[in-house]
Amino acid sequence: MADALLEAGHRRFAIIGGAAGIRTAVDRRDGFVEALSRRGLTPLVEVVGDFSRDGGYDAAQRLAAALGVQP
């Protein structure tokens, strides 16, 4: 995914990931960050949320606040 976004010209990224105890969430995050790193980029912000509707909402709110975006 990161490679496709980079090829499309995107250069600023933020990540909402799952809990560190969930191996697939860790693998996805690490793969994305490694792809960015190969191009000399890092995510601007990373937040973690539960795999639930409320967890996703909370993570999105924290991401927006970290980026200075008003809801």
N, C-alpha and C. Protein backbone atom coordinates (compact mmCIF):
# COMPACT_ATOMS: atom_id res chain seq x y z
N MET A 1 0.82 -1.18 0.00
CA MET A 1 0.00 0.00 0.00
C MET A 1 0.87 1.25 0.00
N ALA A 2 1.89 1.26 0.84
CA ALA A 2 2.75 2.44 0.92
C ALA A 2 3.41 2.71 -0.43
N ASP A 3 3.89 1.66 -1.08
CA ASP A 3 4.53 1.85 -2.39
C ASP A 3 3.56 2.45 -3.40
N ALA A 4 2.34 1.97 -3.42
CA ALA A 4 1.33 2.51 -4.35
C ALA A 4 1.05 3.98 -4.05
N LEU A 5 0.92 4.33 -2.78
CA LEU A 5 0.68 5.73 -2.42
C LEU A 5 1.87 6.61 -2.77
N LEU A 6 3.06 6.10 -2.55
CA LEU A 6 4.26 6.86 -2.91
C LEU A 6 4.35 7.05 -4.42
N GLU A 7 4.06 6.01 -5.18
CA GLU A 7 4.07 6.12 -6.64
C GLU A 7 3.04 7.12 -7.15
N ALA A 8 1.95 7.29 -6.39
CA ALA A 8 0.91 8.25 -6.76
C ALA A 8 1.28 9.68 -6.35
N GLY A 9 2.44 9.83 -5.69
CA GLY A 9 2.92 11.17 -5.36
C GLY A 9 2.72 11.61 -3.92
N HIS A 10 2.12 10.78 -3.11
CA HIS A 10 1.90 11.15 -1.71
C HIS A 10 3.21 11.11 -0.93
N ARG A 11 3.40 12.05 -0.03
CA ARG A 11 4.65 12.12 0.73
C ARG A 11 4.44 12.36 2.22
N ARG A 12 3.22 12.64 2.65
CA ARG A 12 2.93 12.88 4.07
C ARG A 12 1.96 11.80 4.54
N PHE A 13 2.35 11.09 5.61
CA PHE A 13 1.56 9.95 6.07
C PHE A 13 1.35 10.00 7.57
N ALA A 14 0.21 9.49 7.99
CA ALA A 14 -0.09 9.25 9.39
C ALA A 14 -0.64 7.83 9.47
N ILE A 15 -0.45 7.20 10.62
CA ILE A 15 -0.86 5.81 10.77
C ILE A 15 -1.79 5.67 11.97
N ILE A 16 -2.90 4.97 11.74
CA ILE A 16 -3.73 4.47 12.83
C ILE A 16 -3.52 2.97 12.83
N GLY A 17 -2.94 2.47 13.89
CA GLY A 17 -2.64 1.04 13.97
C GLY A 17 -3.40 0.37 15.09
N GLY A 18 -3.28 -0.95 15.09
CA GLY A 18 -3.91 -1.76 16.13
C GLY A 18 -2.98 -1.96 17.31
N ALA A 19 -3.47 -2.64 18.29
CA ALA A 19 -2.72 -2.89 19.52
C ALA A 19 -1.43 -3.66 19.25
N ALA A 20 -0.40 -3.36 20.04
CA ALA A 20 0.91 -3.99 19.87
C ALA A 20 0.87 -5.49 20.10
N GLY A 21 -0.12 -5.98 20.82
CA GLY A 21 -0.23 -7.41 21.08
C GLY A 21 -0.85 -8.20 19.94
N ILE A 22 -1.28 -7.53 18.89
CA ILE A 22 -1.90 -8.21 17.75
C ILE A 22 -0.86 -8.27 16.63
N ARG A 23 -0.35 -9.47 16.40
CA ARG A 23 0.77 -9.66 15.47
C ARG A 23 0.49 -9.12 14.07
N THR A 24 -0.70 -9.34 13.55
CA THR A 24 -0.99 -8.85 12.20
C THR A 24 -0.97 -7.33 12.14
N ALA A 25 -1.43 -6.68 13.22
CA ALA A 25 -1.39 -5.21 13.26
C ALA A 25 0.05 -4.73 13.27
N VAL A 26 0.90 -5.39 14.02
CA VAL A 26 2.32 -5.03 14.09
C VAL A 26 2.97 -5.25 12.73
N ASP A 27 2.69 -6.38 12.10
CA ASP A 27 3.29 -6.67 10.79
C ASP A 27 2.87 -5.65 9.74
N ARG A 28 1.60 -5.28 9.73
CA ARG A 28 1.11 -4.28 8.76
C ARG A 28 1.78 -2.93 8.98
N ARG A 29 1.83 -2.52 10.22
CA ARG A 29 2.47 -1.23 10.55
C ARG A 29 3.93 -1.25 10.15
N ASP A 30 4.64 -2.30 10.53
CA ASP A 30 6.06 -2.38 10.23
C ASP A 30 6.33 -2.40 8.73
N GLY A 31 5.53 -3.13 7.98
CA GLY A 31 5.71 -3.17 6.53
C GLY A 31 5.49 -1.80 5.90
N PHE A 32 4.47 -1.09 6.36
CA PHE A 32 4.18 0.24 5.84
C PHE A 32 5.32 1.20 6.15
N VAL A 33 5.77 1.19 7.39
CA VAL A 33 6.86 2.09 7.81
C VAL A 33 8.16 1.74 7.09
N GLU A 34 8.44 0.48 6.89
CA GLU A 34 9.65 0.08 6.17
C GLU A 34 9.63 0.57 4.73
N ALA A 35 8.47 0.49 4.09
CA ALA A 35 8.34 1.00 2.71
C ALA A 35 8.59 2.50 2.67
N LEU A 36 8.07 3.23 3.64
CA LEU A 36 8.33 4.67 3.70
C LEU A 36 9.82 4.94 3.93
N SER A 37 10.40 4.18 4.82
CA SER A 37 11.81 4.37 5.17
C SER A 37 12.73 4.18 3.97
N ARG A 38 12.38 3.25 3.10
CA ARG A 38 13.20 3.03 1.89
C ARG A 38 13.26 4.28 1.02
N ARG A 39 12.27 5.15 1.17
CA ARG A 39 12.22 6.42 0.41
C ARG A 39 12.63 7.61 1.26
N GLY A 40 13.15 7.33 2.47
CA GLY A 40 13.61 8.41 3.34
C GLY A 40 12.50 9.14 4.07
N LEU A 41 11.34 8.51 4.21
CA LEU A 41 10.19 9.14 4.86
C LEU A 41 9.83 8.42 6.15
N THR A 42 9.18 9.15 7.04
CA THR A 42 8.62 8.57 8.26
C THR A 42 7.21 9.12 8.42
N PRO A 43 6.34 8.39 9.12
CA PRO A 43 4.99 8.93 9.36
C PRO A 43 5.06 10.19 10.22
N LEU A 44 4.18 11.13 9.96
CA LEU A 44 4.11 12.35 10.75
C LEU A 44 3.60 12.05 12.16
N VAL A 45 2.64 11.14 12.23
CA VAL A 45 1.98 10.79 13.49
C VAL A 45 1.59 9.32 13.44
N GLU A 46 1.67 8.66 14.59
CA GLU A 46 1.15 7.31 14.73
C GLU A 46 0.29 7.24 15.98
N VAL A 47 -0.90 6.69 15.84
CA VAL A 47 -1.76 6.45 16.99
C VAL A 47 -2.24 5.00 16.94
N VAL A 48 -2.61 4.49 18.09
CA VAL A 48 -3.08 3.11 18.21
C VAL A 48 -4.52 3.12 18.67
N GLY A 49 -5.31 2.22 18.11
CA GLY A 49 -6.70 2.11 18.53
C GLY A 49 -7.14 0.67 18.58
N ASP A 50 -8.19 0.42 19.33
CA ASP A 50 -8.79 -0.91 19.38
C ASP A 50 -9.44 -1.22 18.04
N PHE A 51 -9.55 -2.51 17.74
CA PHE A 51 -10.28 -2.92 16.53
C PHE A 51 -11.77 -2.98 16.84
N SER A 52 -12.33 -1.80 17.01
CA SER A 52 -13.77 -1.66 17.25
C SER A 52 -14.19 -0.31 16.68
N ARG A 53 -15.48 -0.12 16.56
CA ARG A 53 -15.97 1.16 16.05
C ARG A 53 -15.55 2.30 16.96
N ASP A 54 -15.74 2.12 18.26
CA ASP A 54 -15.36 3.18 19.21
C ASP A 54 -13.85 3.39 19.23
N GLY A 55 -13.09 2.30 19.13
CA GLY A 55 -11.63 2.41 19.12
C GLY A 55 -11.14 3.16 17.90
N GLY A 56 -11.74 2.89 16.74
CA GLY A 56 -11.38 3.60 15.52
C GLY A 56 -11.73 5.08 15.59
N TYR A 57 -12.90 5.37 16.14
CA TYR A 57 -13.33 6.76 16.29
C TYR A 57 -12.38 7.52 17.21
N ASP A 58 -12.05 6.91 18.35
CA ASP A 58 -11.15 7.55 19.30
C ASP A 58 -9.77 7.78 18.67
N ALA A 59 -9.27 6.79 17.95
CA ALA A 59 -7.96 6.93 17.31
C ALA A 59 -7.99 8.04 16.26
N ALA A 60 -9.06 8.12 15.49
CA ALA A 60 -9.19 9.18 14.48
C ALA A 60 -9.23 10.56 15.13
N GLN A 61 -9.92 10.67 16.25
CA GLN A 61 -9.97 11.94 16.98
C GLN A 61 -8.59 12.35 17.47
N ARG A 62 -7.84 11.39 18.01
CA ARG A 62 -6.49 11.68 18.51
C ARG A 62 -5.56 12.03 17.36
N LEU A 63 -5.72 11.37 16.22
CA LEU A 63 -4.92 11.68 15.04
C LEU A 63 -5.21 13.09 14.57
N ALA A 64 -6.48 13.44 14.47
CA ALA A 64 -6.84 14.80 14.04
C ALA A 64 -6.28 15.84 14.97
N ALA A 65 -6.36 15.59 16.27
CA ALA A 65 -5.83 16.55 17.24
C ALA A 65 -4.32 16.68 17.10
N ALA A 66 -3.63 15.57 16.89
CA ALA A 66 -2.17 15.59 16.75
C ALA A 66 -1.76 16.37 15.50
N LEU A 67 -2.60 16.33 14.47
CA LEU A 67 -2.30 17.04 13.23
C LEU A 67 -2.85 18.46 13.22
N GLY A 68 -3.55 18.84 14.30
CA GLY A 68 -4.11 20.19 14.38
C GLY A 68 -5.33 20.39 13.52
N VAL A 69 -6.05 19.31 13.24
CA VAL A 69 -7.27 19.37 12.42
C VAL A 69 -8.47 19.48 13.34
N GLN A 70 -9.36 20.41 13.03
CA GLN A 70 -10.59 20.56 13.81
C GLN A 70 -11.63 19.57 13.30
N PRO A 71 -12.28 18.85 14.23
CA PRO A 71 -13.33 17.90 13.79
C PRO A 71 -14.55 18.60 13.23
